[in-house]
C-alpha cells in the first residue's frame, strides 16, 4: 500500500467513525494514530462520553473481530487470556481462547481489576503473544487494545503499574462535549439512533484486517530526516533531566513519537515527517510516562505542564521537504 492509498484509508475510517461518534475529532484522530502505528491507546474520561461506542464503531469500520472485557475486582488473568480445560469425553486438555484472541480489544475500566489481572494484558500488548501453562501462543495481526479508565472514581480501583502504562502508545483524554455537540447527539437519538444496536446504524466496513496490516507496514517507510530524529531524541531525553521529573520517559516513548509522527504525516497527505507532527503527539505520548517529584506535585506541577514546557524550550529543527 503506497502513501496515497494509506491516506485514503485513514480518511475513510475517520469519516465512518465520525458519522456515528459526534464531537470528538481529536480523540478519533489520536486513536487512529495509535491503530495505524501498531500501538495501543488508553482513553481516560468520565462515563457516558462515547468511549465504548468509539471502540465498537472502529472495529466495524475495519471489518475486524471485536471483543470486550469488563474489568472488575474479581476478574482473573485466565478470564483475559483463556486457559486449558479438561475434556472428559476425550480425556485430554483443550485450550479455550480468552477474549484477548481478537483483533480489536476493548479493556473497559481497566483500573478496576487488580494488578495481577491488569498484567495479563502486558505480554499481549508488548509482544502480541500470551504464555499459558508454559506454552506461548501468538496473537493475530492486527491486535489493537483500547483501554478505558474513569479519572473520577477512586473507590474499588487500582492504579495501572508504570510498566503497563508504558505499553500504551498514547494516553488520550476524552473531554465532555460542548452544548452544540450534545444537541447533535440528542437529535441523533430523536432520529432513532441507538448506541446499543449498531447493526441498525448500517456501518459499512471501509477496510479489512489484511489491508490494515499492509498500511501499518507501509507507514514504517515514511521518510524522517535525521534532524527530526535528533529532535525526538532530544525532546524525550529532556524529560529525564527536568527539575520536576523523578522518572522520565523511556526510549519506547521515542519510538512511539517517531511512529505516530509518521501516521500524522500521511494523514496530512505527506510522505515525510516535519517537527509539527512530533509536537502534536508530545502530550498524548508523554503524559502518562512521567513520574513527577512529590515536591513538584505538592507545588501543583502536572505532567501536561512539563510536556508543554519541554516542547516550548526544545530547539525545533527547520522543516525540510523532500
Protein backbone atom coordinates (compact mmCIF):
# COMPACT_ATOMS: atom_id res chain seq x y z
CA UNK A 1 0.00 0.00 0.00
CA UNK A 2 1.52 3.37 -1.05
CA UNK A 3 1.23 6.62 0.99
CA UNK A 4 -1.71 7.90 -1.07
CA UNK A 5 -3.68 4.68 -0.51
CA UNK A 6 -2.86 4.85 3.20
CA UNK A 7 -4.05 8.47 3.36
CA UNK A 8 -7.35 7.46 1.73
CA UNK A 9 -7.71 4.53 4.14
CA UNK A 10 -7.17 6.82 7.14
CA UNK A 11 -9.68 9.34 5.81
CA UNK A 12 -12.28 6.64 5.13
CA UNK A 13 -12.03 5.12 8.61
CA UNK A 14 -12.08 8.58 10.19
CA UNK A 15 -15.18 9.63 8.24
CA UNK A 16 -17.00 6.41 9.11
CA UNK A 17 -16.36 6.80 12.84
CA UNK A 18 -17.30 10.49 12.84
CA UNK A 19 -20.61 9.65 11.19
CA UNK A 20 -21.52 7.78 14.40
CA UNK A 21 -19.40 9.35 17.16
CA UNK A 22 -20.18 13.05 17.48
CA UNK A 23 -17.86 15.82 18.60
CA UNK A 24 -14.60 14.01 19.35
CA UNK A 25 -12.42 14.72 16.26
CA UNK A 26 -9.11 14.94 18.16
CA UNK A 27 -9.84 11.80 20.17
CA UNK A 28 -10.69 9.89 16.99
CA UNK A 29 -7.57 11.21 15.24
CA UNK A 30 -5.31 10.11 18.09
CA UNK A 31 -6.93 6.68 18.34
CA UNK A 32 -6.34 6.18 14.61
CA UNK A 33 -2.72 7.28 15.01
CA UNK A 34 -2.16 4.55 17.60
CA UNK A 35 -4.01 1.99 15.48
CA UNK A 36 -2.11 2.63 12.24
CA UNK A 37 1.21 2.91 14.10
CA UNK A 38 0.64 -0.54 15.58
CA UNK A 39 0.32 0.70 19.17
CA UNK A 40 -2.36 0.70 21.85
CA UNK A 41 -4.34 3.52 23.42
CA UNK A 42 -5.61 4.37 26.91
CA UNK A 43 -8.76 6.50 26.94
CA UNK A 44 -9.41 8.48 30.11
CA UNK A 45 -12.74 10.17 30.58
CA UNK A 46 -15.90 10.23 32.64
CA UNK A 47 -18.65 7.67 31.95
CA UNK A 48 -21.05 8.35 29.11
CA UNK A 49 -18.66 10.14 26.73
CA UNK A 50 -18.76 7.51 23.99
CA UNK A 51 -15.56 5.56 24.64
CA UNK A 52 -17.21 2.17 24.16
CA UNK A 53 -19.16 3.42 21.15
CA UNK A 54 -15.92 4.61 19.59
CA UNK A 55 -14.26 1.21 20.04
CA UNK A 56 -17.21 -0.72 18.63
CA UNK A 57 -17.60 1.63 15.67
CA UNK A 58 -13.89 1.43 14.91
CA UNK A 59 -13.99 -2.37 14.79
CA UNK A 60 -16.96 -2.29 12.42
CA UNK A 61 -15.30 0.27 10.16
CA UNK A 62 -12.27 -2.01 9.96
CA UNK A 63 -14.27 -5.19 9.45
CA UNK A 64 -12.28 -6.69 12.34
CA UNK A 65 -13.20 -9.04 15.15
CA UNK A 66 -14.13 -7.21 18.36
CA UNK A 67 -14.16 -8.39 21.96
CA UNK A 68 -14.86 -6.50 25.16
CA UNK A 69 -13.62 -7.29 28.65
CA UNK A 70 -15.37 -5.58 31.56
CA UNK A 71 -12.65 -5.33 34.19
CA UNK A 72 -13.91 -5.97 37.73
CA UNK A 73 -12.20 -6.63 41.08
CA UNK A 74 -12.83 -10.39 40.82
CA UNK A 75 -11.56 -10.76 37.22
CA UNK A 76 -8.81 -13.40 36.95
CA UNK A 77 -5.91 -13.47 34.45
CA UNK A 78 -7.40 -16.57 32.79
CA UNK A 79 -10.55 -14.55 32.10
CA UNK A 80 -8.38 -12.42 29.82
CA UNK A 81 -6.02 -14.93 28.21
CA UNK A 82 -8.02 -18.17 28.37
CA UNK A 83 -6.69 -21.47 29.66
CA UNK A 84 -6.55 -25.24 29.34
CA UNK A 85 -9.79 -27.06 30.10
CA UNK A 86 -10.00 -30.83 30.62
CA UNK A 87 -12.22 -32.53 28.06
CA UNK A 88 -13.67 -35.53 29.90
CA UNK A 89 -15.05 -37.08 26.74
CA UNK A 90 -11.63 -37.20 25.07
CA UNK A 91 -9.57 -37.42 28.29
CA UNK A 92 -7.26 -34.55 27.36
CA UNK A 93 -6.79 -30.85 27.95
CA UNK A 94 -8.00 -28.39 25.34
CA UNK A 95 -7.09 -24.75 25.09
CA UNK A 96 -10.02 -22.35 25.35
CA UNK A 97 -9.01 -18.99 23.93
CA UNK A 98 -9.85 -15.93 26.00
CA UNK A 99 -11.15 -12.62 24.69
CA UNK A 100 -7.59 -11.35 24.12
CA UNK A 101 -7.53 -13.50 20.98
CA UNK A 102 -9.15 -10.92 18.76
CA UNK A 103 -8.19 -8.01 16.52
CA UNK A 104 -9.77 -5.07 18.37
CA UNK A 105 -9.98 -5.47 22.15
CA UNK A 106 -11.83 -3.10 24.48
CA UNK A 107 -10.46 -3.34 28.04
CA UNK A 108 -13.23 -1.43 29.78
CA UNK A 109 -12.42 0.28 33.11
CA UNK A 110 -9.06 -1.43 33.24
CA UNK A 111 -8.19 0.19 36.56
CA UNK A 112 -11.00 -1.72 38.31
CA UNK A 113 -9.07 -5.01 38.20
CA UNK A 114 -6.14 -5.85 40.49
CA UNK A 115 -2.58 -5.56 39.21
CA UNK A 116 -2.23 -9.29 38.58
CA UNK A 117 -5.11 -9.26 36.13
CA UNK A 118 -4.01 -5.98 34.55
CA UNK A 119 -0.63 -7.59 33.96
CA UNK A 120 -2.26 -10.39 31.97
CA UNK A 121 -2.51 -7.87 29.15
CA UNK A 122 1.13 -6.80 29.45
CA UNK A 123 2.68 -9.59 27.38
CA UNK A 124 -0.15 -9.45 24.84
CA UNK A 125 0.24 -5.71 24.32
CA UNK A 126 4.02 -5.72 24.24
CA UNK A 127 4.83 -8.91 22.37
CA UNK A 128 1.49 -9.84 20.78
CA UNK A 129 1.58 -13.23 22.44
CA UNK A 130 0.45 -14.87 25.65
CA UNK A 131 2.10 -17.63 27.65
CA UNK A 132 -0.26 -20.12 29.31
CA UNK A 133 0.95 -23.16 31.24
CA UNK A 134 4.38 -22.75 29.66
CA UNK A 135 3.08 -22.64 26.08
CA UNK A 136 3.38 -19.44 24.04
CA UNK A 137 0.55 -18.59 21.70
CA UNK A 138 0.80 -15.84 19.11
CA UNK A 139 -1.93 -13.25 18.60
CA UNK A 140 -3.17 -12.29 15.17
CA UNK A 141 -2.25 -9.12 13.36
CA UNK A 142 -3.64 -6.61 13.74
CA UNK A 143 -4.04 -6.61 17.51
CA UNK A 144 -5.22 -3.29 18.92
CA UNK A 145 -6.14 -2.64 22.53
CA UNK A 146 -8.34 0.26 23.57
CA UNK A 147 -8.38 0.51 27.36
CA UNK A 148 -10.61 2.90 29.28
CA UNK A 149 -10.41 4.29 32.78
CA UNK A 150 -12.54 6.66 34.80
CA UNK A 151 -10.48 9.50 36.33
CA UNK A 152 -13.18 10.43 38.84
CA UNK A 153 -13.82 7.36 40.98
CA UNK A 154 -11.05 6.02 43.21
CA UNK A 155 -13.02 3.51 45.31
CA UNK A 156 -12.52 -0.03 44.05
CA UNK A 157 -9.79 0.92 41.58
CA UNK A 158 -6.08 0.13 41.31
CA UNK A 159 -3.61 2.47 39.59
CA UNK A 160 -2.02 0.96 36.49
CA UNK A 161 1.60 -0.13 37.08
CA UNK A 162 4.19 2.02 35.32
CA UNK A 163 5.30 -0.96 33.22
CA UNK A 164 1.79 -1.35 31.83
CA UNK A 165 1.26 2.37 31.29
CA UNK A 166 4.42 2.39 29.20
CA UNK A 167 2.86 -0.22 26.89
CA UNK A 168 0.19 2.25 25.83
CA UNK A 169 1.47 4.27 22.91
CA UNK A 170 -0.93 7.12 23.69
CA UNK A 171 -2.99 8.27 26.63
CA UNK A 172 -5.93 10.21 25.24
CA UNK A 173 -8.10 12.48 27.37
CA UNK A 174 -11.78 12.34 26.38
CA UNK A 175 -13.40 15.72 27.13
CA UNK A 176 -17.05 16.44 27.81
CA UNK A 177 -18.82 17.71 24.69
CA UNK A 178 -19.86 21.34 24.20
CA UNK A 179 -23.56 22.19 24.02
CA UNK A 180 -23.67 22.15 20.20
CA UNK A 181 -22.35 18.59 20.10
CA UNK A 182 -24.71 17.48 22.85
CA UNK A 183 -27.61 18.84 20.79
CA UNK A 184 -26.39 16.81 17.79
CA UNK A 185 -26.30 13.69 19.98
CA UNK A 186 -29.84 14.33 21.16
CA UNK A 187 -31.05 14.90 17.60
CA UNK A 188 -29.47 11.61 16.52
CA UNK A 189 -31.37 9.79 19.27
CA UNK A 190 -34.60 11.52 18.30
CA UNK A 191 -33.98 10.25 14.78
CA UNK A 192 -33.80 6.68 16.11
CA UNK A 193 -30.08 6.09 16.70
CA UNK A 194 -29.39 3.51 19.44
CA UNK A 195 -25.78 3.12 20.56
CA UNK A 196 -26.59 -0.35 21.89
CA UNK A 197 -27.70 -1.53 18.44
CA UNK A 198 -25.04 -0.62 15.91
CA UNK A 199 -26.50 -3.13 13.44
CA UNK A 200 -29.16 -0.57 12.64
CA UNK A 201 -26.56 2.13 12.03
CA UNK A 202 -25.54 0.34 8.79
CA UNK A 203 -21.81 0.88 9.25
CA UNK A 204 -20.10 -0.35 6.12
CA UNK A 205 -16.53 -1.63 6.60
CA UNK A 206 -14.09 0.53 4.64
CA UNK A 207 -11.05 -1.62 5.36
CA UNK A 208 -10.23 -5.17 6.39
CA UNK A 209 -7.62 -6.72 8.66
CA UNK A 210 -5.21 -7.58 5.85
CA UNK A 211 -5.39 -4.07 4.39
CA UNK A 212 -4.79 -2.55 7.81
CA UNK A 213 -1.66 -4.67 8.28
CA UNK A 214 -0.37 -3.57 4.86
CA UNK A 215 -1.00 0.07 5.81
CA UNK A 216 0.84 -0.39 9.12
CA UNK A 217 3.83 -1.86 7.29
CA UNK A 218 3.79 0.92 4.66
CA UNK A 219 3.79 3.65 7.32
CA UNK A 220 7.15 2.45 8.60
CA UNK A 221 8.64 3.61 5.30
CA UNK A 222 7.53 7.24 5.68
CA UNK A 223 10.67 9.38 5.42
CA UNK A 224 12.11 11.01 8.55
CA UNK A 225 15.05 13.40 8.19
CA UNK A 226 17.98 12.99 10.65
CA UNK A 227 17.31 16.43 12.28
CA UNK A 228 13.77 15.30 13.12
CA UNK A 229 15.09 12.05 14.60
CA UNK A 230 17.53 14.11 16.67
CA UNK A 231 14.67 16.39 17.77
CA UNK A 232 12.65 13.41 19.03
CA UNK A 233 15.62 12.05 20.98
CA UNK A 234 16.36 15.49 22.45
CA UNK A 235 12.75 16.10 23.47
CA UNK A 236 12.38 12.72 25.20
CA UNK A 237 15.85 12.94 26.71
CA UNK A 238 14.99 16.23 28.39
CA UNK A 239 12.19 14.54 30.33
CA UNK A 240 14.88 12.66 32.27
CA UNK A 241 16.65 15.79 33.47
CA UNK A 242 13.72 18.12 34.08
CA UNK A 243 13.67 19.58 37.60
CA UNK A 244 10.08 18.41 38.26
CA UNK A 245 10.50 14.86 36.93
CA UNK A 246 11.57 11.93 39.09
CA UNK A 247 11.43 9.33 36.30
CA UNK A 248 11.43 10.42 32.68
CA UNK A 249 10.25 8.71 29.51
CA UNK A 250 11.98 5.63 28.14
CA UNK A 251 13.22 5.02 24.57
CA UNK A 252 9.84 3.34 23.97
CA UNK A 253 8.38 6.86 24.11
CA UNK A 254 10.83 7.97 21.42
CA UNK A 255 9.72 5.10 19.20
CA UNK A 256 6.08 6.00 19.85
CA UNK A 257 6.70 9.63 18.86
CA UNK A 258 8.50 8.54 15.70
CA UNK A 259 5.84 6.01 14.65
CA UNK A 260 2.97 8.33 15.50
CA UNK A 261 4.54 11.24 13.61
CA UNK A 262 4.75 9.04 10.52
CA UNK A 263 1.00 8.45 10.73
CA UNK A 264 0.30 12.17 11.21
CA UNK A 265 2.40 12.94 8.14
CA UNK A 266 0.42 10.54 5.96
CA UNK A 267 -2.87 11.81 7.42
CA UNK A 268 -1.81 15.26 6.21
CA UNK A 269 -1.01 13.92 2.73
CA UNK A 270 2.78 13.91 3.10
CA UNK A 271 5.34 11.11 2.78
CA UNK A 272 7.79 12.80 5.17
CA UNK A 273 7.66 13.92 8.81
CA UNK A 274 8.01 17.51 9.99
CA UNK A 275 8.61 18.73 13.59
CA UNK A 276 4.98 19.83 13.98
CA UNK A 277 3.92 16.18 13.59
CA UNK A 278 6.06 15.34 16.63
CA UNK A 279 4.76 18.31 18.64
CA UNK A 280 1.14 17.29 18.04
CA UNK A 281 1.74 13.95 19.74
CA UNK A 282 4.07 15.06 22.54
CA UNK A 283 1.34 15.28 25.20
CA UNK A 284 -0.51 12.00 24.45
CA UNK A 285 2.79 10.10 24.16
CA UNK A 286 4.48 11.53 27.25
CA UNK A 287 1.75 12.49 29.75
CA UNK A 288 1.40 9.00 31.24
CA UNK A 289 5.10 8.16 31.20
CA UNK A 290 6.39 10.89 33.51
CA UNK A 291 6.60 10.42 37.27
CA UNK A 292 6.92 13.77 38.99
CA UNK A 293 8.81 14.54 42.19
CA UNK A 294 6.39 14.59 45.15
CA UNK A 295 7.54 18.13 45.93
CA UNK A 296 6.64 19.24 42.41
CA UNK A 297 3.18 17.69 42.71
CA UNK A 298 2.64 19.46 46.03
CA UNK A 299 3.55 22.71 44.29
CA UNK A 300 0.87 21.98 41.68
CA UNK A 301 3.04 20.83 38.78
CA UNK A 302 1.45 18.44 36.26
CA UNK A 303 2.81 16.21 33.53
CA UNK A 304 0.87 18.27 30.97
CA UNK A 305 2.66 21.44 32.04
CA UNK A 306 6.06 19.74 31.96
CA UNK A 307 5.48 18.44 28.43
CA UNK A 308 4.28 21.85 27.25
CA UNK A 309 7.41 23.45 28.71
CA UNK A 310 9.68 20.88 27.08
CA UNK A 311 8.04 21.37 23.67
CA UNK A 312 8.42 25.14 24.04
CA UNK A 313 12.06 25.02 25.15
CA UNK A 314 13.48 22.25 22.94
CA UNK A 315 15.07 23.78 19.79
CA UNK A 316 13.00 22.92 16.73
CA UNK A 317 14.81 21.95 13.53
CA UNK A 318 13.76 23.76 10.39
CA UNK A 319 11.11 21.87 8.45
CA UNK A 320 12.51 20.36 5.27
CA UNK A 321 10.64 18.94 2.34
CA UNK A 322 11.93 16.10 0.24
